[in-house]
C-alpha atoms as a PDB file:
ATOM      1  CA  MET A   1     -18.685-199.908  58.158  1.00  0.00           C
ATOM      2  CA  LYS A   2     -19.786-196.988  60.306  1.00  0.00           C
ATOM      3  CA  GLN A   3     -21.957-194.486  58.499  1.00  0.00           C
ATOM      4  CA  PRO A   4     -20.783-190.859  58.468  1.00  0.00           C
ATOM      5  CA  LEU A   5     -22.622-188.786  60.882  1.00  0.00           C
ATOM      6  CA  PHE A   6     -24.287-186.433  58.381  1.00  0.00           C
ATOM      7  CA  ASN A   7     -25.316-189.309  56.041  1.00  0.00           C
ATOM      8  CA  CYS A   8     -27.328-190.835  58.881  1.00  0.00           C
ATOM      9  CA  PRO A   9     -31.040-190.212  57.879  1.00  0.00           C
ATOM     10  CA  VAL A  10     -32.052-189.495  61.425  1.00  0.00           C
ATOM     11  CA  THR A  11     -29.172-186.976  61.999  1.00  0.00           C
ATOM     12  CA  ARG A  12     -29.738-185.423  58.505  1.00  0.00           C
ATOM     13  CA  ASN A  13     -33.503-184.959  59.339  1.00  0.00           C
ATOM     14  CA  LEU A  14     -32.778-183.386  62.686  1.00  0.00           C
ATOM     15  CA  LEU A  15     -30.275-181.032  60.999  1.00  0.00           C
ATOM     16  CA  LEU A  16     -32.693-180.069  58.328  1.00  0.00           C
ATOM     17  CA  ALA A  17     -35.438-179.405  61.016  1.00  0.00           C
ATOM     18  CA  ALA A  18     -32.906-177.244  62.990  1.00  0.00           C
ATOM     19  CA  LEU A  19     -32.024-175.174  59.837  1.00  0.00           C
ATOM     20  CA  ALA A  20     -35.761-174.745  59.043  1.00  0.00           C
ATOM     21  CA  CYS A  21     -36.351-173.481  62.522  1.00  0.00           C
ATOM     22  CA  LEU A  22     -33.465-171.039  62.251  1.00  0.00           C
ATOM     23  CA  SER A  23     -34.795-169.882  58.905  1.00  0.00           C
ATOM     24  CA  LEU A  24     -38.264-169.135  60.479  1.00  0.00           C
ATOM     25  CA  GLN A  25     -36.598-167.297  63.250  1.00  0.00           C
ATOM     26  CA  ALA A  26     -34.686-165.163  60.814  1.00  0.00           C
ATOM     27  CA  VAL A  27     -37.915-164.373  58.867  1.00  0.00           C
ATOM     28  CA  ALA A  28     -39.726-163.612  62.164  1.00  0.00           C
ATOM     29  CA  GLY A  29     -36.902-161.233  63.111  1.00  0.00           C
ATOM     30  CA  GLU A  30     -37.569-159.303  59.862  1.00  0.00           C
ATOM     31  CA  ALA A  31     -41.312-159.073  60.400  1.00  0.00           C
ATOM     32  CA  ILE A  32     -42.826-155.623  60.515  1.00  0.00           C
ATOM     33  CA  GLN A  33     -44.098-154.288  63.779  1.00  0.00           C
ATOM     34  CA  ILE A  34     -46.843-151.672  63.510  1.00  0.00           C
ATOM     35  CA  VAL A  35     -47.497-149.304  66.461  1.00  0.00           C
ATOM     36  CA  THR A  36     -50.033-146.627  66.984  1.00  0.00           C
ATOM     37  CA  GLU A  37     -52.011-144.796  69.781  1.00  0.00           C
ATOM     38  CA  GLU A  38     -55.538-144.052  70.711  1.00  0.00           C
ATOM     39  CA  LEU A  39     -56.180-140.972  68.613  1.00  0.00           C
ATOM     40  CA  PRO A  40     -59.838-141.012  67.596  1.00  0.00           C
ATOM     41  CA  PRO A  41     -61.173-140.942  64.902  1.00  0.00           C
ATOM     42  CA  TYR A  42     -57.802-141.694  63.296  1.00  0.00           C
ATOM     43  CA  ASN A  43     -56.867-144.754  65.366  1.00  0.00           C
ATOM     44  CA  MET A  44     -59.052-146.089  68.245  1.00  0.00           C
ATOM     45  CA  THR A  45     -60.160-149.260  69.869  1.00  0.00           C
ATOM     46  CA  GLN A  46     -63.867-150.004  69.675  1.00  0.00           C
ATOM     47  CA  ASP A  47     -65.346-153.235  71.079  1.00  0.00           C
ATOM     48  CA  GLY A  48     -61.895-154.693  71.258  1.00  0.00           C
ATOM     49  CA  ARG A  49     -61.087-154.009  67.696  1.00  0.00           C
ATOM     50  CA  LEU A  50     -58.680-151.371  66.400  1.00  0.00           C
ATOM     51  CA  THR A  51     -60.380-149.134  63.891  1.00  0.00           C
ATOM     52  CA  GLY A  52     -60.408-145.497  62.650  1.00  0.00           C
ATOM     53  CA  MET A  53     -59.591-143.686  59.358  1.00  0.00           C
ATOM     54  CA  SER A  54     -55.867-144.063  59.537  1.00  0.00           C
ATOM     55  CA  THR A  55     -56.083-147.673  60.725  1.00  0.00           C
ATOM     56  CA  GLU A  56     -58.256-148.584  57.773  1.00  0.00           C
ATOM     57  CA  VAL A  57     -55.898-146.906  55.345  1.00  0.00           C
ATOM     58  CA  VAL A  58     -52.865-148.892  56.856  1.00  0.00           C
ATOM     59  CA  GLN A  59     -54.909-152.072  56.658  1.00  0.00           C
ATOM     60  CA  ALA A  60     -55.767-151.383  52.984  1.00  0.00           C
ATOM     61  CA  VAL A  61     -52.027-150.820  52.211  1.00  0.00           C
ATOM     62  CA  LEU A  62     -51.205-154.155  53.854  1.00  0.00           C
ATOM     63  CA  GLU A  63     -53.801-155.917  51.900  1.00  0.00           C
ATOM     64  CA  GLU A  64     -52.681-154.215  48.644  1.00  0.00           C
ATOM     65  CA  ILE A  65     -49.131-155.288  49.021  1.00  0.00           C
ATOM     66  CA  GLY A  66     -49.814-158.717  50.470  1.00  0.00           C
ATOM     67  CA  GLU A  67     -48.209-158.039  53.880  1.00  0.00           C
ATOM     68  CA  GLN A  68     -49.382-159.491  57.131  1.00  0.00           C
ATOM     69  CA  ALA A  69     -48.659-157.612  60.400  1.00  0.00           C
ATOM     70  CA  SER A  70     -50.456-157.006  63.594  1.00  0.00           C
ATOM     71  CA  ILE A  71     -51.034-153.442  64.930  1.00  0.00           C
ATOM     72  CA  GLN A  72     -50.497-152.668  68.548  1.00  0.00           C
ATOM     73  CA  SER A  73     -52.119-149.637  70.265  1.00  0.00           C
ATOM     74  CA  MET A  74     -50.205-148.033  73.166  1.00  0.00           C
ATOM     75  CA  PRO A  75     -49.463-144.651  74.763  1.00  0.00           C
ATOM     76  CA  TRP A  76     -47.895-142.372  72.175  1.00  0.00           C
ATOM     77  CA  ALA A  77     -44.595-141.833  74.040  1.00  0.00           C
ATOM     78  CA  ARG A  78     -44.017-145.602  74.062  1.00  0.00           C
ATOM     79  CA  ALA A  79     -44.934-146.039  70.359  1.00  0.00           C
ATOM     80  CA  TYR A  80     -42.677-143.178  69.464  1.00  0.00           C
ATOM     81  CA  ASP A  81     -39.785-144.527  71.472  1.00  0.00           C
ATOM     82  CA  ILE A  82     -40.119-147.972  69.768  1.00  0.00           C
ATOM     83  CA  ALA A  83     -40.231-146.354  66.306  1.00  0.00           C
ATOM     84  CA  LEU A  84     -37.141-144.378  67.044  1.00  0.00           C
ATOM     85  CA  ASN A  85     -35.048-147.246  68.296  1.00  0.00           C
ATOM     86  CA  ALA A  86     -36.257-150.582  66.825  1.00  0.00           C
ATOM     87  CA  GLU A  87     -35.873-152.176  63.460  1.00  0.00           C
ATOM     88  CA  ASN A  88     -38.769-152.686  60.903  1.00  0.00           C
ATOM     89  CA  VAL A  89     -41.290-150.534  62.852  1.00  0.00           C
ATOM     90  CA  LEU A  90     -44.174-148.741  61.146  1.00  0.00           C
ATOM     91  CA  ILE A  91     -45.821-145.937  63.169  1.00  0.00           C
ATOM     92  CA  TYR A  92     -48.954-143.982  62.483  1.00  0.00           C
ATOM     93  CA  SER A  93     -50.759-141.414  62.624  1.00  0.00           C
ATOM     94  CA  ILE A  94     -47.559-139.235  62.982  1.00  0.00           C
ATOM     95  CA  ALA A  95     -47.270-135.651  62.023  1.00  0.00           C
ATOM     96  CA  ARG A  96     -44.348-134.901  59.767  1.00  0.00           C
ATOM     97  CA  THR A  97     -42.582-131.989  61.502  1.00  0.00           C
ATOM     98  CA  ALA A  98     -39.198-130.427  60.868  1.00  0.00           C
ATOM     99  CA  GLN A  99     -37.969-131.852  64.139  1.00  0.00           C
ATOM    100  CA  ARG A 100     -38.952-135.460  63.067  1.00  0.00           C
ATOM    101  CA  GLU A 101     -37.968-135.224  59.340  1.00  0.00           C
ATOM    102  CA  LYS A 102     -34.632-137.033  59.624  1.00  0.00           C
ATOM    103  CA  LEU A 103     -35.739-139.433  62.420  1.00  0.00           C
ATOM    104  CA  PHE A 104     -38.046-141.572  60.192  1.00  0.00           C
ATOM    105  CA  LYS A 105     -38.417-142.922  56.751  1.00  0.00           C
ATOM    106  CA  TRP A 106     -41.720-141.379  55.558  1.00  0.00           C
ATOM    107  CA  VAL A 107     -44.287-143.361  53.561  1.00  0.00           C
ATOM    108  CA  GLY A 108     -47.000-140.825  53.079  1.00  0.00           C
ATOM    109  CA  ILE A 109     -50.176-139.154  54.326  1.00  0.00           C
ATOM    110  CA  VAL A 110     -53.044-141.416  55.710  1.00  0.00           C
ATOM    111  CA  ALA A 111     -55.422-138.693  56.905  1.00  0.00           C
ATOM    112  CA  PRO A 112     -55.919-134.925  56.838  1.00  0.00           C
ATOM    113  CA  MET A 113     -55.207-132.656  59.802  1.00  0.00           C
ATOM    114  CA  HIS A 114     -55.110-129.080  60.946  1.00  0.00           C
ATOM    115  CA  TRP A 115     -53.777-127.990  64.366  1.00  0.00           C
ATOM    116  CA  TYR A 116     -55.190-125.285  66.566  1.00  0.00           C
ATOM    117  CA  LEU A 117     -54.968-123.883  70.160  1.00  0.00           C
ATOM    118  CA  TYR A 118     -58.518-124.376  71.316  1.00  0.00           C
ATOM    119  CA  SER A 119     -60.287-122.503  74.156  1.00  0.00           C
ATOM    120  CA  LEU A 120     -63.884-122.260  75.616  1.00  0.00           C
ATOM    121  CA  PRO A 121     -66.064-119.336  74.466  1.00  0.00           C
ATOM    122  CA  GLN A 122     -66.777-118.178  78.017  1.00  0.00           C
ATOM    123  CA  ARG A 123     -63.076-117.523  78.524  1.00  0.00           C
ATOM    124  CA  ASN A 124     -62.921-115.021  75.688  1.00  0.00           C
ATOM    125  CA  ILE A 125     -59.158-115.661  75.077  1.00  0.00           C
ATOM    126  CA  GLN A 126     -57.759-113.616  72.233  1.00  0.00           C
ATOM    127  CA  LEU A 127     -54.508-114.747  70.586  1.00  0.00           C
ATOM    128  CA  LYS A 128     -52.973-112.904  67.628  1.00  0.00           C
ATOM    129  CA  GLN A 129     -49.733-114.840  67.718  1.00  0.00           C
ATOM    130  CA  LEU A 130     -48.234-117.798  69.551  1.00  0.00           C
ATOM    131  CA  ASP A 131     -46.377-115.633  71.989  1.00  0.00           C
ATOM    132  CA  ASP A 132     -49.671-114.369  73.344  1.00  0.00           C
ATOM    133  CA  ALA A 133     -50.333-117.941  74.642  1.00  0.00           C
ATOM    134  CA  ARG A 134     -47.357-118.030  76.888  1.00  0.00           C
ATOM    135  CA  PRO A 135     -49.125-116.752  80.066  1.00  0.00           C
ATOM    136  CA  TYR A 136     -51.705-119.571  79.738  1.00  0.00           C
ATOM    137  CA  GLN A 137     -51.813-123.138  80.823  1.00  0.00           C
ATOM    138  CA  ILE A 138     -51.975-125.428  77.689  1.00  0.00           C
ATOM    139  CA  GLY A 139     -52.966-128.960  77.634  1.00  0.00           C
ATOM    140  CA  THR A 140     -50.781-131.325  75.575  1.00  0.00           C
ATOM    141  CA  VAL A 141     -50.067-135.061  75.072  1.00  0.00           C
ATOM    142  CA  GLN A 142     -46.678-136.506  76.045  1.00  0.00           C
ATOM    143  CA  GLU A 143     -44.244-136.432  73.023  1.00  0.00           C
ATOM    144  CA  ASP A 144     -47.014-135.757  70.456  1.00  0.00           C
ATOM    145  CA  ALA A 145     -46.476-133.265  67.688  1.00  0.00           C
ATOM    146  CA  GLY A 146     -48.334-130.481  69.518  1.00  0.00           C
ATOM    147  CA  GLU A 147     -46.262-130.783  72.657  1.00  0.00           C
ATOM    148  CA  GLN A 148     -42.953-131.107  70.714  1.00  0.00           C
ATOM    149  CA  TYR A 149     -43.822-128.080  68.616  1.00  0.00           C
ATOM    150  CA  LEU A 150     -44.613-125.891  71.640  1.00  0.00           C
ATOM    151  CA  VAL A 151     -41.481-127.042  73.514  1.00  0.00           C
ATOM    152  CA  ALA A 152     -39.415-126.134  70.439  1.00  0.00           C
ATOM    153  CA  GLN A 153     -41.047-122.680  70.541  1.00  0.00           C
ATOM    154  CA  GLY A 154     -39.863-122.204  74.151  1.00  0.00           C
ATOM    155  CA  PHE A 155     -42.839-123.420  76.111  1.00  0.00           C
ATOM    156  CA  THR A 156     -42.120-125.766  79.097  1.00  0.00           C
ATOM    157  CA  VAL A 157     -43.765-128.820  80.465  1.00  0.00           C
ATOM    158  CA  GLY A 158     -44.703-128.143  84.059  1.00  0.00           C
ATOM    159  CA  LYS A 159     -44.643-124.453  83.494  1.00  0.00           C
ATOM    160  CA  ASN A 160     -47.183-123.469  80.779  1.00  0.00           C
ATOM    161  CA  LEU A 161     -47.705-126.948  79.357  1.00  0.00           C
ATOM    162  CA  GLN A 162     -49.634-129.626  81.196  1.00  0.00           C
ATOM    163  CA  SER A 163     -48.780-132.974  79.735  1.00  0.00           C
ATOM    164  CA  SER A 164     -51.219-135.956  79.602  1.00  0.00           C
ATOM    165  CA  ASN A 165     -50.891-139.478  78.195  1.00  0.00           C
ATOM    166  CA  LYS A 166     -54.545-139.399  76.749  1.00  0.00           C
ATOM    167  CA  TYR A 167     -56.107-136.938  74.449  1.00  0.00           C
ATOM    168  CA  ALA A 168     -59.512-137.053  76.213  1.00  0.00           C
ATOM    169  CA  HIS A 169     -57.934-135.900  79.421  1.00  0.00           C
ATOM    170  CA  ASN A 170     -57.288-132.451  77.880  1.00  0.00           C
ATOM    171  CA  TYR A 171     -60.902-131.706  76.960  1.00  0.00           C
ATOM    172  CA  GLU A 172     -61.862-132.671  80.370  1.00  0.00           C
ATOM    173  CA  LYS A 173     -59.294-130.447  81.916  1.00  0.00           C
ATOM    174  CA  LEU A 174     -60.393-127.544  79.642  1.00  0.00           C
ATOM    175  CA  THR A 175     -63.977-127.828  80.774  1.00  0.00           C
ATOM    176  CA  LEU A 176     -62.892-128.083  84.467  1.00  0.00           C
ATOM    177  CA  GLY A 177     -60.837-124.933  84.102  1.00  0.00           C
ATOM    178  CA  ARG A 178     -57.605-126.816  84.857  1.00  0.00           C
ATOM    179  CA  ILE A 179     -56.099-125.559  81.562  1.00  0.00           C
ATOM    180  CA  ASP A 180     -56.879-122.461  79.531  1.00  0.00           C
ATOM    181  CA  LEU A 181     -55.921-123.799  76.021  1.00  0.00           C
ATOM    182  CA  TRP A 182     -55.726-127.176  74.306  1.00  0.00           C
ATOM    183  CA  VAL A 183     -53.418-127.931  71.442  1.00  0.00           C
ATOM    184  CA  ALA A 184     -55.131-130.492  69.145  1.00  0.00           C
ATOM    185  CA  ASN A 185     -55.801-131.293  65.601  1.00  0.00           C
ATOM    186  CA  ASP A 186     -59.258-130.510  64.449  1.00  0.00           C
ATOM    187  CA  LEU A 187     -60.765-133.985  63.668  1.00  0.00           C
ATOM    188  CA  ASN A 188     -59.523-135.405  67.004  1.00  0.00           C
ATOM    189  CA  ALA A 189     -60.843-132.310  68.978  1.00  0.00           C
ATOM    190  CA  ARG A 190     -64.319-132.471  67.406  1.00  0.00           C
ATOM    191  CA  TYR A 191     -64.596-136.174  67.866  1.00  0.00           C
ATOM    192  CA  LEU A 192     -63.654-135.989  71.550  1.00  0.00           C
ATOM    193  CA  VAL A 193     -66.102-133.201  72.199  1.00  0.00           C
ATOM    194  CA  ARG A 194     -68.922-135.131  70.684  1.00  0.00           C
ATOM    195  CA  GLN A 195     -68.000-138.180  72.642  1.00  0.00           C
ATOM    196  CA  ALA A 196     -68.360-136.042  75.804  1.00  0.00           C
ATOM    197  CA  GLY A 197     -71.882-135.162  74.703  1.00  0.00           C
ATOM    198  CA  ASP A 198     -71.212-131.636  73.559  1.00  0.00           C
ATOM    199  CA  GLU A 199     -71.455-129.843  70.229  1.00  0.00           C
ATOM    200  CA  PRO A 200     -68.044-128.640  68.988  1.00  0.00           C
ATOM    201  CA  ALA A 201     -69.368-125.549  67.201  1.00  0.00           C
ATOM    202  CA  LYS A 202     -70.901-124.337  70.486  1.00  0.00           C
ATOM    203  CA  VAL A 203     -68.334-125.172  73.067  1.00  0.00           C
ATOM    204  CA  LEU A 204     -64.967-125.049  71.307  1.00  0.00           C
ATOM    205  CA  ILE A 205     -63.193-122.088  69.903  1.00  0.00           C
ATOM    206  CA  PRO A 206     -60.236-122.506  67.496  1.00  0.00           C
ATOM    207  CA  THR A 207     -58.425-119.584  69.098  1.00  0.00           C
ATOM    208  CA  LEU A 208     -55.224-119.768  67.111  1.00  0.00           C
ATOM    209  CA  SER A 209     -54.373-121.711  63.972  1.00  0.00           C
ATOM    210  CA  LEU A 210     -50.902-123.401  63.889  1.00  0.00           C
ATOM    211  CA  PRO A 211     -50.301-123.939  60.181  1.00  0.00           C
ATOM    212  CA  ASP A 212     -46.658-124.639  60.592  1.00  0.00           C
ATOM    213  CA  LEU A 213     -47.234-127.634  62.848  1.00  0.00           C
ATOM    214  CA  GLY A 214     -46.525-130.470  60.498  1.00  0.00           C
ATOM    215  CA  SER A 215     -46.034-130.358  56.761  1.00  0.00           C
ATOM    216  CA  GLY A 216     -48.291-131.439  53.922  1.00  0.00           C
ATOM    217  CA  ASP A 217     -51.569-130.916  55.928  1.00  0.00           C
ATOM    218  CA  GLY A 218     -51.717-134.597  56.911  1.00  0.00           C
ATOM    219  CA  LEU A 219     -50.983-137.379  59.307  1.00  0.00           C
ATOM    220  CA  ASN A 220     -48.547-139.858  57.993  1.00  0.00           C
ATOM    221  CA  MET A 221     -47.309-143.362  58.261  1.00  0.00           C
ATOM    222  CA  ALA A 222     -43.530-143.697  58.674  1.00  0.00           C
ATOM    223  CA  PHE A 223     -40.892-146.374  59.308  1.00  0.00           C
ATOM    224  CA  SER A 224     -38.063-146.453  61.764  1.00  0.00           C
ATOM    225  CA  ARG A 225     -34.674-145.398  60.257  1.00  0.00           C
ATOM    226  CA  GLN A 226     -33.459-149.040  60.736  1.00  0.00           C
ATOM    227  CA  THR A 227     -35.977-150.407  58.171  1.00  0.00           C
ATOM    228  CA  PRO A 228     -34.651-151.399  54.721  1.00  0.00           C
ATOM    229  CA  ASP A 229     -35.448-148.881  51.957  1.00  0.00           C
ATOM    230  CA  ALA A 230     -36.990-151.651  49.868  1.00  0.00           C
ATOM    231  CA  THR A 231     -39.701-152.185  52.500  1.00  0.00           C
ATOM    232  CA  VAL A 232     -40.465-148.506  52.764  1.00  0.00           C
ATOM    233  CA  GLU A 233     -40.792-148.255  48.974  1.00  0.00           C
ATOM    234  CA  ARG A 234     -43.260-151.227  48.893  1.00  0.00           C
ATOM    235  CA  PHE A 235     -45.453-149.393  51.345  1.00  0.00           C
ATOM    236  CA  ARG A 236     -45.193-146.179  49.400  1.00  0.00           C
ATOM    237  CA  LYS A 237     -46.274-148.012  46.187  1.00  0.00           C
ATOM    238  CA  GLY A 238     -49.115-149.633  48.146  1.00  0.00           C
ATOM    239  CA  LEU A 239     -50.348-146.257  49.494  1.00  0.00           C
ATOM    240  CA  LYS A 240     -50.289-144.785  45.994  1.00  0.00           C
ATOM    241  CA  ALA A 241     -52.077-147.766  44.644  1.00  0.00           C
ATOM    242  CA  ILE A 242     -55.025-147.467  47.032  1.00  0.00           C
ATOM    243  CA  ARG A 243     -55.230-143.648  46.244  1.00  0.00           C
ATOM    244  CA  ASP A 244     -55.257-144.397  42.503  1.00  0.00           C
ATOM    245  CA  ASN A 245     -57.883-147.248  42.701  1.00  0.00           C
ATOM    246  CA  GLY A 246     -60.397-145.313  44.802  1.00  0.00           C
ATOM    247  CA  THR A 247     -59.884-147.302  48.012  1.00  0.00           C
ATOM    248  CA  TYR A 248     -58.516-144.350  49.921  1.00  0.00           C
ATOM    249  CA  ASP A 249     -61.370-141.976  48.896  1.00  0.00           C
ATOM    250  CA  ALA A 250     -63.946-144.706  49.944  1.00  0.00           C
ATOM    251  CA  ILE A 251     -62.326-144.910  53.407  1.00  0.00           C
ATOM    252  CA  ALA A 252     -62.214-141.164  53.783  1.00  0.00           C
ATOM    253  CA  LYS A 253     -65.815-140.808  52.867  1.00  0.00           C
ATOM    254  CA  ARG A 254     -66.821-142.956  55.891  1.00  0.00           C
ATOM    255  CA  TRP A 255     -64.867-140.825  58.386  1.00  0.00           C
ATOM    256  CA  LEU A 256     -64.814-137.265  57.146  1.00  0.00           C
END
């Protein structure tokens, strides 16, 4: 008597293998993708390894919740676009601005920040308010919080904003006189100045504070809107746990 197809041991084993493969593909499809940029000392590549204060915080959260995920560093505009449009994407270090509030599911602060318009002391630029900066050329990074903020205030890329894809380019352009002002957060600005061999206190003037650029005085990690709420909540709990157990403070002490 002919054996039914699905009772055949060989066929059944092949079917089980195929189902297992599909199951693995489904799990892989739900895997978390983590994207960031080169923003020292928050996230940066050194000797082929991604490090920085924010990176260490994200890695500590992953360890705390038992999650495995690789981190990709890329130009900010690309990372931002992926986080806007793809599923299960975690992005850091991202400023939580009013413009971005509803675009992401926010996890929490991974590092402190404060934004300024910087200038060189020899230029003697005086700014009492943001409108005073309109006649000047300002260095920005494409689609970062500083550029988005200034554009929202009526500044224009190609007119009074010069957009780059790397933060280090702006300090170089500032010293060469190609721009008059540089919008940056304080830790990043000081780090890049030191990397260039200069002393921040001597060569960089925080000409105008921008306290309304970002909320909560910190850079965040955030998920794409297409990420399940349960995933976001697991990361929120993980971030709270490393703050409560002292891991966050230990990381901050190494970088601040």
